[in-house]
Amino acid sequence: MTPVFVDTSAILALLVADDPNHAAANRAFARARRGDAEFVTTSYVLVETFALLGRRLGQAAAQRFRKELAPLFSVRWVDEPLHEEGLDLLEKDERRNLSLVDAVSFAAARERGLDVVFAFDQHFVEAGFRLLSHRRPRPSPGRGGGEEG
């Protein structure tokens, strides 16, 4: 299996029909599943996804995600050392409006030696990761404060 890190931006693109990357996300996800990808994410990405789905689409959508999509992911539960590594990344890179979720995602992906991510977030490209999708990532407006990515 080829491990691929999954970001909130990709999950939302998969599940939100009017997301600008919805079609690209579905194509990339289907291609990765046919290729026997192992989808890896963190508990922080799951928390962020549940919060955004609940706020944008309602709790029924969040529960559908829990039952239908979340079980496909291998989850790296964030412990204190990984959390601290994410905080260190935030401190080192003040020029980007990076969220703690993204910083922890970078650290978790690097911890596993992953360089491919399923994301539509420019921060992953800026951090040196390759995107699973060939579509260009969109800038994420309103980063931080619980926003996606």
C-alpha atoms as a PDB file:
ATOM      1  CA  MET A   1       0.000   0.000   0.000  1.00  0.00           C
ATOM      2  CA  THR A   2       1.136   3.503  -0.785  1.00  0.00           C
ATOM      3  CA  PRO A   3       0.497   5.853   2.152  1.00  0.00           C
ATOM      4  CA  VAL A   4      -1.092   9.228   1.365  1.00  0.00           C
ATOM      5  CA  PHE A   5      -1.710  11.923   3.965  1.00  0.00           C
ATOM      6  CA  VAL A   6      -5.295  13.285   3.895  1.00  0.00           C
ATOM      7  CA  ASP A   7      -6.037  16.921   4.775  1.00  0.00           C
ATOM      8  CA  THR A   8      -9.310  18.542   5.785  1.00  0.00           C
ATOM      9  CA  SER A   9      -9.418  20.459   2.496  1.00  0.00           C
ATOM     10  CA  ALA A  10      -9.610  17.196   0.539  1.00  0.00           C
ATOM     11  CA  ILE A  11     -12.237  15.671   2.823  1.00  0.00           C
ATOM     12  CA  LEU A  12     -14.429  18.738   2.484  1.00  0.00           C
ATOM     13  CA  ALA A  13     -13.922  18.782  -1.293  1.00  0.00           C
ATOM     14  CA  LEU A  14     -15.086  15.149  -1.402  1.00  0.00           C
ATOM     15  CA  LEU A  15     -18.174  15.717   0.718  1.00  0.00           C
ATOM     16  CA  VAL A  16     -19.363  19.202  -0.232  1.00  0.00           C
ATOM     17  CA  ALA A  17     -21.009  19.054  -3.658  1.00  0.00           C
ATOM     18  CA  ASP A  18     -20.597  22.772  -4.387  1.00  0.00           C
ATOM     19  CA  ASP A  19     -16.920  22.857  -3.398  1.00  0.00           C
ATOM     20  CA  PRO A  20     -14.847  24.097  -6.370  1.00  0.00           C
ATOM     21  CA  ASN A  21     -12.618  21.001  -6.089  1.00  0.00           C
ATOM     22  CA  HIS A  22     -15.417  18.455  -5.639  1.00  0.00           C
ATOM     23  CA  ALA A  23     -15.010  16.744  -9.040  1.00  0.00           C
ATOM     24  CA  ALA A  24     -11.201  16.735  -8.846  1.00  0.00           C
ATOM     25  CA  ALA A  25     -11.342  15.333  -5.304  1.00  0.00           C
ATOM     26  CA  ASN A  26     -13.640  12.506  -6.324  1.00  0.00           C
ATOM     27  CA  ARG A  27     -11.436  11.597  -9.297  1.00  0.00           C
ATOM     28  CA  ALA A  28      -8.250  11.672  -7.212  1.00  0.00           C
ATOM     29  CA  PHE A  29      -9.830   9.693  -4.371  1.00  0.00           C
ATOM     30  CA  ALA A  30     -11.195   7.017  -6.717  1.00  0.00           C
ATOM     31  CA  ARG A  31      -7.828   6.743  -8.498  1.00  0.00           C
ATOM     32  CA  ALA A  32      -5.992   6.406  -5.165  1.00  0.00           C
ATOM     33  CA  ARG A  33      -8.397   3.725  -3.923  1.00  0.00           C
ATOM     34  CA  ARG A  34      -7.946   1.737  -7.132  1.00  0.00           C
ATOM     35  CA  GLY A  35      -4.201   2.063  -6.591  1.00  0.00           C
ATOM     36  CA  ASP A  36      -4.517   0.571  -3.113  1.00  0.00           C
ATOM     37  CA  ALA A  37      -3.552   3.732  -1.241  1.00  0.00           C
ATOM     38  CA  GLU A  38      -3.423   3.793   2.528  1.00  0.00           C
ATOM     39  CA  PHE A  39      -5.092   7.016   3.650  1.00  0.00           C
ATOM     40  CA  VAL A  40      -3.381   8.502   6.709  1.00  0.00           C
ATOM     41  CA  THR A  41      -4.512  11.496   8.734  1.00  0.00           C
ATOM     42  CA  THR A  42      -4.358  12.874  12.269  1.00  0.00           C
ATOM     43  CA  SER A  43      -6.879  13.180  15.042  1.00  0.00           C
ATOM     44  CA  TYR A  44      -6.579  16.979  14.624  1.00  0.00           C
ATOM     45  CA  VAL A  45      -7.706  16.733  10.992  1.00  0.00           C
ATOM     46  CA  LEU A  46     -10.674  14.643  12.127  1.00  0.00           C
ATOM     47  CA  VAL A  47     -11.622  17.186  14.792  1.00  0.00           C
ATOM     48  CA  GLU A  48     -11.365  20.042  12.289  1.00  0.00           C
ATOM     49  CA  THR A  49     -13.391  18.102   9.705  1.00  0.00           C
ATOM     50  CA  PHE A  50     -16.182  17.227  12.144  1.00  0.00           C
ATOM     51  CA  ALA A  51     -16.416  20.855  13.283  1.00  0.00           C
ATOM     52  CA  LEU A  52     -16.529  22.272   9.751  1.00  0.00           C
ATOM     53  CA  LEU A  53     -18.979  19.690   8.441  1.00  0.00           C
ATOM     54  CA  GLY A  54     -21.263  20.230  11.414  1.00  0.00           C
ATOM     55  CA  ARG A  55     -21.163  23.991  10.992  1.00  0.00           C
ATOM     56  CA  ARG A  56     -21.526  24.036   7.193  1.00  0.00           C
ATOM     57  CA  LEU A  57     -23.745  21.039   6.468  1.00  0.00           C
ATOM     58  CA  GLY A  58     -25.193  19.985   9.804  1.00  0.00           C
ATOM     59  CA  GLN A  59     -24.622  17.126  12.200  1.00  0.00           C
ATOM     60  CA  ALA A  60     -26.152  14.553   9.852  1.00  0.00           C
ATOM     61  CA  ALA A  61     -23.309  15.204   7.384  1.00  0.00           C
ATOM     62  CA  ALA A  62     -20.727  14.920  10.164  1.00  0.00           C
ATOM     63  CA  GLN A  63     -22.209  11.593  11.283  1.00  0.00           C
ATOM     64  CA  ARG A  64     -22.276  10.321   7.689  1.00  0.00           C
ATOM     65  CA  PHE A  65     -18.563  11.171   7.469  1.00  0.00           C
ATOM     66  CA  ARG A  66     -17.956   9.278  10.710  1.00  0.00           C
ATOM     67  CA  LYS A  67     -19.685   6.143   9.459  1.00  0.00           C
ATOM     68  CA  GLU A  68     -18.780   6.098   5.760  1.00  0.00           C
ATOM     69  CA  LEU A  69     -15.437   7.831   5.160  1.00  0.00           C
ATOM     70  CA  ALA A  70     -13.522   8.141   8.430  1.00  0.00           C
ATOM     71  CA  PRO A  71     -13.162   4.340   8.799  1.00  0.00           C
ATOM     72  CA  LEU A  72     -11.030   4.349   5.615  1.00  0.00           C
ATOM     73  CA  PHE A  73      -8.311   6.393   7.361  1.00  0.00           C
ATOM     74  CA  SER A  74      -5.407   5.246   9.495  1.00  0.00           C
ATOM     75  CA  VAL A  75      -5.337   7.848  12.248  1.00  0.00           C
ATOM     76  CA  ARG A  76      -2.206   9.171  13.929  1.00  0.00           C
ATOM     77  CA  TRP A  77      -3.536  10.225  17.309  1.00  0.00           C
ATOM     78  CA  VAL A  78      -1.791  13.447  18.280  1.00  0.00           C
ATOM     79  CA  ASP A  79       0.200  13.104  21.479  1.00  0.00           C
ATOM     80  CA  GLU A  80       2.124  15.767  23.352  1.00  0.00           C
ATOM     81  CA  PRO A  81       5.408  15.381  21.403  1.00  0.00           C
ATOM     82  CA  LEU A  82       3.648  15.704  18.016  1.00  0.00           C
ATOM     83  CA  HIS A  83       1.601  18.656  19.278  1.00  0.00           C
ATOM     84  CA  GLU A  84       4.796  20.363  20.477  1.00  0.00           C
ATOM     85  CA  GLU A  85       6.492  19.690  17.133  1.00  0.00           C
ATOM     86  CA  GLY A  86       3.560  21.413  15.421  1.00  0.00           C
ATOM     87  CA  LEU A  87       3.888  24.397  17.757  1.00  0.00           C
ATOM     88  CA  ASP A  88       7.614  24.540  16.975  1.00  0.00           C
ATOM     89  CA  LEU A  89       6.839  24.631  13.247  1.00  0.00           C
ATOM     90  CA  LEU A  90       4.412  27.500  13.792  1.00  0.00           C
ATOM     91  CA  GLU A  91       7.043  29.419  15.727  1.00  0.00           C
ATOM     92  CA  LYS A  92       9.709  28.863  13.042  1.00  0.00           C
ATOM     93  CA  ASP A  93       7.578  29.936  10.097  1.00  0.00           C
ATOM     94  CA  GLU A  94       5.810  33.198  10.866  1.00  0.00           C
ATOM     95  CA  ARG A  95       5.560  34.338   7.222  1.00  0.00           C
ATOM     96  CA  ARG A  96       2.668  31.968   6.458  1.00  0.00           C
ATOM     97  CA  ASN A  97      -0.713  32.097   8.098  1.00  0.00           C
ATOM     98  CA  LEU A  98      -0.409  28.450   9.078  1.00  0.00           C
ATOM     99  CA  SER A  99      -2.862  26.690  11.371  1.00  0.00           C
ATOM    100  CA  LEU A 100      -1.796  24.341  14.140  1.00  0.00           C
ATOM    101  CA  VAL A 101      -3.693  21.569  12.355  1.00  0.00           C
ATOM    102  CA  ASP A 102      -1.564  22.095   9.225  1.00  0.00           C
ATOM    103  CA  ALA A 103       1.670  22.293  11.217  1.00  0.00           C
ATOM    104  CA  VAL A 104       0.863  19.051  13.050  1.00  0.00           C
ATOM    105  CA  SER A 105      -0.127  17.469   9.725  1.00  0.00           C
ATOM    106  CA  PHE A 106       3.263  18.368   8.237  1.00  0.00           C
ATOM    107  CA  ALA A 107       5.030  16.868  11.249  1.00  0.00           C
ATOM    108  CA  ALA A 108       2.916  13.693  11.180  1.00  0.00           C
ATOM    109  CA  ALA A 109       3.425  13.205   7.440  1.00  0.00           C
ATOM    110  CA  ARG A 110       7.179  13.696   7.778  1.00  0.00           C
ATOM    111  CA  GLU A 111       7.265  11.343  10.764  1.00  0.00           C
ATOM    112  CA  ARG A 112       5.893   8.612   8.464  1.00  0.00           C
ATOM    113  CA  GLY A 113       8.151   9.635   5.572  1.00  0.00           C
ATOM    114  CA  LEU A 114       5.180  10.685   3.427  1.00  0.00           C
ATOM    115  CA  ASP A 115       5.622  13.153   0.604  1.00  0.00           C
ATOM    116  CA  VAL A 116       2.239  12.799  -1.142  1.00  0.00           C
ATOM    117  CA  VAL A 117      -0.842  14.459   0.320  1.00  0.00           C
ATOM    118  CA  PHE A 118      -4.478  14.501  -0.672  1.00  0.00           C
ATOM    119  CA  ALA A 119      -5.132  18.202  -0.165  1.00  0.00           C
ATOM    120  CA  PHE A 120      -6.300  21.368  -1.857  1.00  0.00           C
ATOM    121  CA  ASP A 121      -4.332  23.659   0.438  1.00  0.00           C
ATOM    122  CA  GLN A 122      -1.393  25.683  -0.869  1.00  0.00           C
ATOM    123  CA  HIS A 123       0.408  25.353   2.472  1.00  0.00           C
ATOM    124  CA  PHE A 124       1.236  21.715   1.724  1.00  0.00           C
ATOM    125  CA  VAL A 125       2.878  22.664  -1.573  1.00  0.00           C
ATOM    126  CA  GLU A 126       4.791  25.468   0.151  1.00  0.00           C
ATOM    127  CA  ALA A 127       5.986  22.924   2.722  1.00  0.00           C
ATOM    128  CA  GLY A 128       7.396  20.699  -0.026  1.00  0.00           C
ATOM    129  CA  PHE A 129       4.687  18.043  -0.328  1.00  0.00           C
ATOM    130  CA  ARG A 130       3.358  16.676  -3.624  1.00  0.00           C
ATOM    131  CA  LEU A 131      -0.391  16.729  -4.169  1.00  0.00           C
ATOM    132  CA  LEU A 132      -2.305  13.585  -5.043  1.00  0.00           C
ATOM    133  CA  SER A 133      -4.533  15.651  -7.305  1.00  0.00           C
ATOM    134  CA  HIS A 134      -3.090  17.383 -10.330  1.00  0.00           C
ATOM    135  CA  ARG A 135      -5.351  20.379  -9.761  1.00  0.00           C
ATOM    136  CA  ARG A 136      -3.765  23.494  -8.341  1.00  0.00           C
ATOM    137  CA  PRO A 137      -4.586  24.076  -4.695  1.00  0.00           C
ATOM    138  CA  ARG A 138      -6.688  27.082  -3.895  1.00  0.00           C
ATOM    139  CA  PRO A 139      -5.616  29.663  -1.347  1.00  0.00           C
ATOM    140  CA  SER A 140      -7.495  29.096   1.884  1.00  0.00           C
ATOM    141  CA  PRO A 141      -9.127  32.359   2.965  1.00  0.00           C
ATOM    142  CA  GLY A 142      -9.634  33.015   6.648  1.00  0.00           C
ATOM    143  CA  ARG A 143      -6.961  30.614   7.826  1.00  0.00           C
ATOM    144  CA  GLY A 144      -6.601  29.935  11.503  1.00  0.00           C
ATOM    145  CA  GLY A 145      -9.282  30.123  14.165  1.00  0.00           C
ATOM    146  CA  GLY A 146     -10.718  26.725  13.259  1.00  0.00           C
ATOM    147  CA  GLU A 147     -10.786  27.202   9.524  1.00  0.00           C
ATOM    148  CA  GLU A 148     -10.105  24.320   7.206  1.00  0.00           C
ATOM    149  CA  GLY A 149      -6.767  23.066   6.090  1.00  0.00           C
END
